[in-house]
Amino acid sequence: MKVVILAGGFGQRLLPITNNIPKPLLPIANRAAIEHLLLHLISMGFNEFIIQLHYMSQAIIKTIDGMNLMNISIEYIIEEESLGSAGCLRLSKPYLNDTFLLVNGDILFDGDIREAIYQHLEYNQQFSMLVKHVDKCESYGNVKVKNGQIMEFIEKPQIGKEISNLVNTGIYILNAELLKYIPDYCYFDISTDLIPLLLRENIILNAAELKGYWIDYGTPRRFAKLNVDWIEEKLNLPIPAVQILPRIFLGEHVKIENNVKIVSPVIIGNDVTIEENCIIGPYVSISSNIVINKGSILHHQAVFQKYTLNHENKFTKNTIKKLSKEMQ
């Protein structure tokens, strides 16, 4: 089964950091987010991917190609103008002749979705959505389900107007014939256009519960939560770093100078230098290719090359130095 990953969004809710880096390349637990997503899907046996791109597409292609994935087929579909999460699928239509898996590129999860796919195929279903129980639904697509069938759907309901505690995870199983409902070369969104249209057309939309951890990291608050959850090892996904002490992870070529104190939990990326007299942690993740200045005190934050995501879930400019080629 082919997998389509939607990775073309601007990431406007994550500005200003997404001015310089597309959302799928945000570094999390010592890897770009889309690398974690791809590797988890590959671990379940998927090996054919179509990746829909628009914003900073070449940077994403370079990162994925740099993974050197073996026996994996990847087609890149680049939108010249943004066509929305459904409209862009028209560009992939020549590659989609059968049932396919559709995944938003700004989510991460650790559950196994193969049972949902088996049920979809076994019962000849047309559209299946993976759903998840959450405490607050107002920033997600809210789903009302009865006997496994989606009866009602509201995108980002007002507080007090929720129809259930189930939300759309951004993972779908679709039969290719549903692409006929998507108009050519115009903006068309899955949540606000396609799903309401399919409901009006009396297409049966099925729902399957996604087990395990799941997050849409498209806002600063949720991106901060993802970093904390990963440091606390709440995700059953690997961290490409060495755990030198409980919940202290170091990437490759990390240099720690004299009189540095590291307080768990902490994740430090590749090619990081921590100068003397620093205190790092707790709850700190440091991106790769960075020098942490002498005497720095970092806690409850995610540090990138231009910005820091602080404990108030706000991006602030920092004076962290990027590691020069001479120092690597």
Protein backbone atom coordinates (compact mmCIF):
# COMPACT_ATOMS: atom_id res chain seq x y z
CA MET A 1 0.00 0.00 0.00
CA LYS A 2 1.30 3.44 -0.93
CA VAL A 3 1.61 6.16 1.70
CA VAL A 4 0.99 9.82 0.88
CA ILE A 5 2.54 12.27 3.35
CA LEU A 6 1.29 15.86 3.29
CA ALA A 7 4.35 17.99 3.98
CA GLY A 8 3.67 21.21 2.07
CA GLY A 9 2.29 23.52 4.75
CA PHE A 10 3.79 26.85 5.78
CA GLY A 11 3.71 26.19 9.53
CA GLN A 12 2.35 29.69 10.21
CA ARG A 13 1.36 28.87 13.78
CA LEU A 14 5.01 28.05 14.49
CA LEU A 15 6.41 31.36 13.30
CA PRO A 16 9.04 32.74 13.54
CA ILE A 17 11.02 29.49 13.56
CA THR A 18 9.36 28.29 10.34
CA ASN A 19 10.67 31.35 8.52
CA ASN A 20 13.94 29.46 8.26
CA ILE A 21 12.97 25.82 8.49
CA PRO A 22 9.88 23.99 7.18
CA LYS A 23 7.72 22.35 9.81
CA PRO A 24 8.58 18.75 8.75
CA LEU A 25 12.26 19.50 9.39
CA LEU A 26 11.87 20.82 12.91
CA PRO A 27 14.47 18.98 14.98
CA ILE A 28 12.98 16.73 17.64
CA ALA A 29 14.94 14.17 19.66
CA ASN A 30 18.02 14.57 17.47
CA ARG A 31 16.19 14.05 14.15
CA ALA A 32 14.01 16.01 11.79
CA ALA A 33 10.35 15.35 12.57
CA ILE A 34 9.60 13.84 9.16
CA GLU A 35 12.49 11.40 9.60
CA HIS A 36 10.85 10.02 12.75
CA LEU A 37 7.53 9.72 10.89
CA LEU A 38 9.04 7.96 7.88
CA LEU A 39 11.04 5.52 9.98
CA HIS A 40 7.97 4.57 12.03
CA LEU A 41 5.93 3.93 8.89
CA ILE A 42 8.78 1.90 7.40
CA SER A 43 8.97 -0.15 10.61
CA MET A 44 5.36 -1.25 9.92
CA GLY A 45 6.31 -2.49 6.45
CA PHE A 46 5.41 0.45 4.22
CA ASN A 47 7.93 0.98 1.43
CA GLU A 48 6.23 3.15 -1.21
CA PHE A 49 5.82 6.83 -0.42
CA ILE A 50 4.49 9.91 -2.17
CA ILE A 51 5.48 13.12 -0.39
CA GLN A 52 3.46 16.23 -1.24
CA LEU A 53 5.60 19.37 -0.95
CA HIS A 54 5.27 23.11 -1.40
CA TYR A 55 7.02 25.33 1.17
CA MET A 56 10.84 24.93 1.18
CA SER A 57 10.46 21.69 -0.73
CA GLN A 58 14.11 21.31 -1.70
CA ALA A 59 15.26 21.37 1.91
CA ILE A 60 12.85 18.54 2.73
CA ILE A 61 13.94 16.52 -0.29
CA LYS A 62 17.60 16.96 0.65
CA THR A 63 16.96 15.76 4.20
CA ILE A 64 14.98 12.69 3.15
CA ASP A 65 17.44 11.75 0.42
CA GLY A 66 20.20 12.08 3.01
CA MET A 67 18.58 9.31 5.06
CA ASN A 68 19.84 6.82 2.43
CA LEU A 69 16.80 4.60 2.87
CA MET A 70 17.27 1.17 1.33
CA ASN A 71 14.58 -0.58 -0.75
CA ILE A 72 12.22 2.37 -0.29
CA SER A 73 10.47 4.13 -3.18
CA ILE A 74 9.76 7.86 -2.81
CA GLU A 75 8.02 10.15 -5.29
CA TYR A 76 8.09 13.88 -4.58
CA ILE A 77 5.11 15.91 -5.79
CA ILE A 78 5.75 19.66 -5.64
CA GLU A 79 2.85 22.12 -5.71
CA GLU A 80 3.68 25.33 -7.55
CA GLU A 81 0.93 27.00 -5.54
CA SER A 82 -0.72 25.78 -2.37
CA LEU A 83 -3.71 23.57 -3.20
CA GLY A 84 -4.70 22.51 0.31
CA SER A 85 -4.52 19.14 2.02
CA ALA A 86 -7.01 17.58 -0.42
CA GLY A 87 -6.41 19.64 -3.55
CA CYS A 88 -2.79 18.56 -3.72
CA LEU A 89 -3.88 14.92 -4.03
CA ARG A 90 -5.04 15.61 -7.57
CA LEU A 91 -1.37 15.98 -8.50
CA SER A 92 -0.72 12.47 -7.14
CA LYS A 93 -3.67 10.90 -8.91
CA PRO A 94 -1.52 9.24 -11.65
CA TYR A 95 0.31 7.32 -8.90
CA LEU A 96 -2.77 6.28 -6.95
CA ASN A 97 -4.74 3.45 -8.48
CA ASP A 98 -5.65 1.58 -5.32
CA THR A 99 -6.37 2.09 -1.64
CA PHE A 100 -3.72 4.28 -0.02
CA LEU A 101 -2.72 5.62 3.37
CA LEU A 102 -2.78 9.40 3.82
CA VAL A 103 -0.82 10.97 6.69
CA ASN A 104 -0.45 14.59 7.74
CA GLY A 105 3.20 15.54 7.86
CA ASP A 106 2.92 17.48 11.13
CA ILE A 107 1.99 14.58 13.39
CA LEU A 108 3.94 11.93 15.24
CA PHE A 109 2.60 8.70 16.66
CA ASP A 110 3.98 5.39 17.90
CA GLY A 111 0.97 3.08 17.46
CA ASP A 112 0.46 0.31 14.92
CA ILE A 113 -2.15 1.16 12.28
CA ARG A 114 -2.05 -2.11 10.37
CA GLU A 115 -5.18 -3.50 12.05
CA ALA A 116 -7.18 -0.48 10.88
CA ILE A 117 -5.91 -1.04 7.34
CA TYR A 118 -6.83 -4.72 7.54
CA GLN A 119 -10.38 -3.85 8.63
CA HIS A 120 -10.68 -1.27 5.84
CA LEU A 121 -9.69 -3.80 3.20
CA GLU A 122 -11.57 -6.74 4.70
CA TYR A 123 -14.89 -4.88 4.72
CA ASN A 124 -14.35 -3.00 1.43
CA GLN A 125 -14.57 0.37 3.11
CA GLN A 126 -14.07 3.57 1.12
CA PHE A 127 -12.83 6.03 3.73
CA SER A 128 -11.40 5.38 7.18
CA MET A 129 -10.15 7.93 9.66
CA LEU A 130 -7.96 7.16 12.65
CA VAL A 131 -9.39 8.95 15.68
CA LYS A 132 -8.12 9.59 19.18
CA HIS A 133 -9.66 10.40 22.57
CA VAL A 134 -8.45 13.77 23.92
CA ASP A 135 -9.43 16.03 26.81
CA LYS A 136 -9.85 19.19 24.72
CA CYS A 137 -11.15 19.16 21.15
CA GLU A 138 -11.32 22.84 20.23
CA SER A 139 -8.11 22.92 18.21
CA TYR A 140 -8.77 19.70 16.25
CA GLY A 141 -11.32 18.17 13.95
CA ASN A 142 -14.04 16.85 16.25
CA VAL A 143 -15.71 13.56 15.29
CA LYS A 144 -18.98 11.96 16.37
CA VAL A 145 -18.89 8.20 15.85
CA LYS A 146 -21.65 5.61 16.13
CA ASN A 147 -21.00 1.90 15.58
CA GLY A 148 -17.68 2.69 13.96
CA GLN A 149 -19.18 5.16 11.48
CA ILE A 150 -18.60 8.92 11.41
CA MET A 151 -21.96 10.61 11.84
CA GLU A 152 -20.83 14.22 12.24
CA PHE A 153 -17.62 16.21 11.89
CA ILE A 154 -16.77 19.73 13.08
CA GLU A 155 -13.41 21.36 12.43
CA LYS A 156 -12.12 23.17 15.53
CA PRO A 157 -15.40 23.45 17.46
CA GLN A 158 -16.01 26.31 19.87
CA ILE A 159 -15.58 25.48 23.53
CA GLY A 160 -18.85 24.01 24.72
CA LYS A 161 -19.89 23.03 21.19
CA GLU A 162 -17.92 19.77 21.07
CA ILE A 163 -19.82 16.73 19.77
CA SER A 164 -17.59 14.11 21.43
CA ASN A 165 -14.11 13.66 22.88
CA LEU A 166 -12.81 12.09 19.67
CA VAL A 167 -10.57 13.99 17.25
CA ASN A 168 -9.20 13.47 13.79
CA THR A 169 -5.56 12.35 13.96
CA GLY A 170 -4.74 13.27 10.38
CA ILE A 171 -4.31 9.62 9.39
CA TYR A 172 -6.69 8.27 6.73
CA ILE A 173 -7.17 5.21 4.56
CA LEU A 174 -8.77 6.15 1.23
CA ASN A 175 -9.90 4.32 -1.84
CA ALA A 176 -8.46 5.99 -4.92
CA GLU A 177 -11.89 6.44 -6.53
CA LEU A 178 -12.70 9.09 -3.90
CA LEU A 179 -10.23 11.40 -5.66
CA LYS A 180 -12.98 12.17 -8.18
CA TYR A 181 -14.62 14.36 -5.54
CA ILE A 182 -11.58 16.66 -5.46
CA PRO A 183 -11.71 19.45 -8.07
CA ASP A 184 -8.72 20.12 -10.29
CA TYR A 185 -6.22 22.86 -9.55
CA CYS A 186 -8.00 24.73 -6.82
CA TYR A 187 -7.60 24.97 -3.07
CA PHE A 188 -9.46 22.13 -1.34
CA ASP A 189 -9.05 21.08 2.28
CA ILE A 190 -9.66 17.62 3.75
CA SER A 191 -11.35 18.83 6.93
CA THR A 192 -13.34 21.80 5.69
CA ASP A 193 -14.13 20.66 2.14
CA LEU A 194 -13.65 16.96 1.40
CA ILE A 195 -15.08 15.36 4.55
CA PRO A 196 -18.25 17.54 4.59
CA LEU A 197 -18.72 16.81 0.87
CA LEU A 198 -18.41 13.05 1.39
CA LEU A 199 -20.92 13.20 4.25
CA ARG A 200 -23.37 15.12 2.04
CA GLU A 201 -22.87 12.49 -0.68
CA ASN A 202 -23.77 9.78 1.87
CA ILE A 203 -20.37 8.12 1.52
CA ILE A 204 -19.83 5.90 4.55
CA LEU A 205 -16.92 7.27 6.56
CA ASN A 206 -15.49 4.82 9.05
CA ALA A 207 -13.50 5.51 12.18
CA ALA A 208 -10.87 3.41 13.93
CA GLU A 209 -9.24 4.31 17.23
CA LEU A 210 -5.52 5.02 17.16
CA LYS A 211 -3.76 3.40 20.11
CA GLY A 212 -0.58 4.69 21.70
CA TYR A 213 0.96 8.14 21.67
CA TRP A 214 -0.14 10.76 19.13
CA ILE A 215 0.43 14.48 18.75
CA ASP A 216 -0.14 17.20 16.19
CA TYR A 217 2.88 19.44 16.89
CA GLY A 218 1.66 22.37 14.80
CA THR A 219 1.53 24.95 17.62
CA PRO A 220 4.28 26.17 19.98
CA ARG A 221 2.48 24.70 22.98
CA ARG A 222 2.15 21.26 21.43
CA PHE A 223 5.66 21.38 20.00
CA ALA A 224 6.96 22.13 23.49
CA LYS A 225 4.86 19.27 24.88
CA LEU A 226 6.29 16.89 22.29
CA ASN A 227 9.83 17.78 23.30
CA VAL A 228 9.02 17.22 26.97
CA ASP A 229 7.19 13.96 26.30
CA TRP A 230 10.09 12.63 24.28
CA ILE A 231 12.61 13.57 26.96
CA GLU A 232 10.40 11.74 29.47
CA GLU A 233 10.36 8.71 27.13
CA LYS A 234 6.58 8.73 26.74
CA LEU A 235 6.95 7.84 23.06
CA ASN A 236 7.79 4.32 22.06
CA LEU A 237 10.07 5.54 19.29
CA PRO A 238 13.87 5.37 19.21
CA ILE A 239 16.10 8.33 20.01
CA PRO A 240 19.19 8.37 17.78
CA ALA A 241 21.54 9.19 20.63
CA VAL A 242 23.42 7.43 23.42
CA GLN A 243 21.86 7.40 26.88
CA ILE A 244 24.86 8.06 29.12
CA LEU A 245 22.78 8.33 32.30
CA PRO A 246 19.05 7.89 32.96
CA ARG A 247 17.24 10.28 30.60
CA ILE A 248 20.42 12.05 29.48
CA PHE A 249 20.95 11.48 25.75
CA LEU A 250 23.97 12.62 23.75
CA GLY A 251 24.29 12.67 19.98
CA GLU A 252 27.52 12.21 18.05
CA HIS A 253 30.57 14.46 18.46
CA VAL A 254 29.35 16.25 21.58
CA LYS A 255 32.05 18.21 23.41
CA ILE A 256 31.44 19.07 27.05
CA GLU A 257 34.01 21.37 28.63
CA ASN A 258 35.00 21.71 32.30
CA ASN A 259 32.59 22.37 35.14
CA VAL A 260 29.40 21.62 33.20
CA LYS A 261 26.42 20.28 35.12
CA ILE A 262 23.71 18.33 33.26
CA VAL A 263 20.45 17.73 35.06
CA SER A 264 18.15 15.10 33.55
CA PRO A 265 16.10 14.88 31.46
CA VAL A 266 18.14 16.28 28.56
CA ILE A 267 18.66 15.48 24.87
CA ILE A 268 21.72 16.97 23.15
CA GLY A 269 22.05 16.76 19.38
CA ASN A 270 25.02 16.01 17.13
CA ASP A 271 28.08 18.26 16.91
CA VAL A 272 27.22 20.30 19.98
CA THR A 273 29.84 22.05 22.13
CA ILE A 274 28.92 23.06 25.67
CA GLU A 275 31.44 25.54 26.98
CA GLU A 276 32.62 25.60 30.57
CA ASN A 277 30.57 26.57 33.62
CA CYS A 278 27.17 25.76 32.07
CA ILE A 279 24.14 24.23 33.75
CA ILE A 280 21.99 22.27 31.30
CA GLY A 281 18.61 20.95 32.39
CA PRO A 282 16.23 19.80 33.48
CA TYR A 283 13.90 19.48 30.47
CA VAL A 284 16.26 20.76 27.80
CA SER A 285 16.64 19.62 24.20
CA ILE A 286 19.44 21.07 22.10
CA SER A 287 19.46 20.94 18.31
CA SER A 288 22.55 19.88 16.34
CA ASN A 289 25.50 22.07 15.27
CA ILE A 290 25.33 24.52 18.17
CA VAL A 291 27.77 26.00 20.68
CA ILE A 292 26.29 26.69 24.11
CA ASN A 293 28.08 29.77 25.38
CA LYS A 294 30.24 29.78 28.49
CA GLY A 295 28.25 30.17 31.70
CA SER A 296 24.84 29.50 30.10
CA ILE A 297 22.02 28.25 32.30
CA LEU A 298 19.34 26.38 30.35
CA HIS A 299 16.23 24.74 31.75
CA HIS A 300 12.75 23.88 30.46
CA GLN A 301 13.46 24.88 26.88
CA ALA A 302 14.22 23.64 23.41
CA VAL A 303 17.24 25.32 21.83
CA PHE A 304 17.64 25.79 18.07
CA GLN A 305 20.21 27.67 16.02
CA LYS A 306 18.27 30.93 15.90
CA TYR A 307 15.54 30.58 18.51
CA THR A 308 14.74 29.11 21.88
CA LEU A 309 11.30 27.73 22.73
CA ASN A 310 10.97 28.75 26.37
CA HIS A 311 8.88 27.48 29.27
CA GLU A 312 6.09 29.92 28.28
CA ASN A 313 5.84 28.16 24.87
CA LYS A 314 7.18 31.23 23.07
CA PHE A 315 10.00 31.43 20.54
CA THR A 316 12.65 33.97 21.47
CA LYS A 317 15.80 34.92 19.60
CA ASN A 318 18.93 33.60 21.20
CA THR A 319 22.63 34.29 21.04
CA ILE A 320 23.57 30.63 20.73
CA LYS A 321 26.42 30.29 18.28
CA LYS A 322 26.17 27.99 15.31
CA LEU A 323 29.08 25.59 15.22
CA SER A 324 31.49 26.73 12.48
CA LYS A 325 32.92 24.27 10.00
CA GLU A 326 36.36 24.87 11.49
CA MET A 327 35.16 23.69 14.90
CA GLN A 328 33.42 20.52 13.63
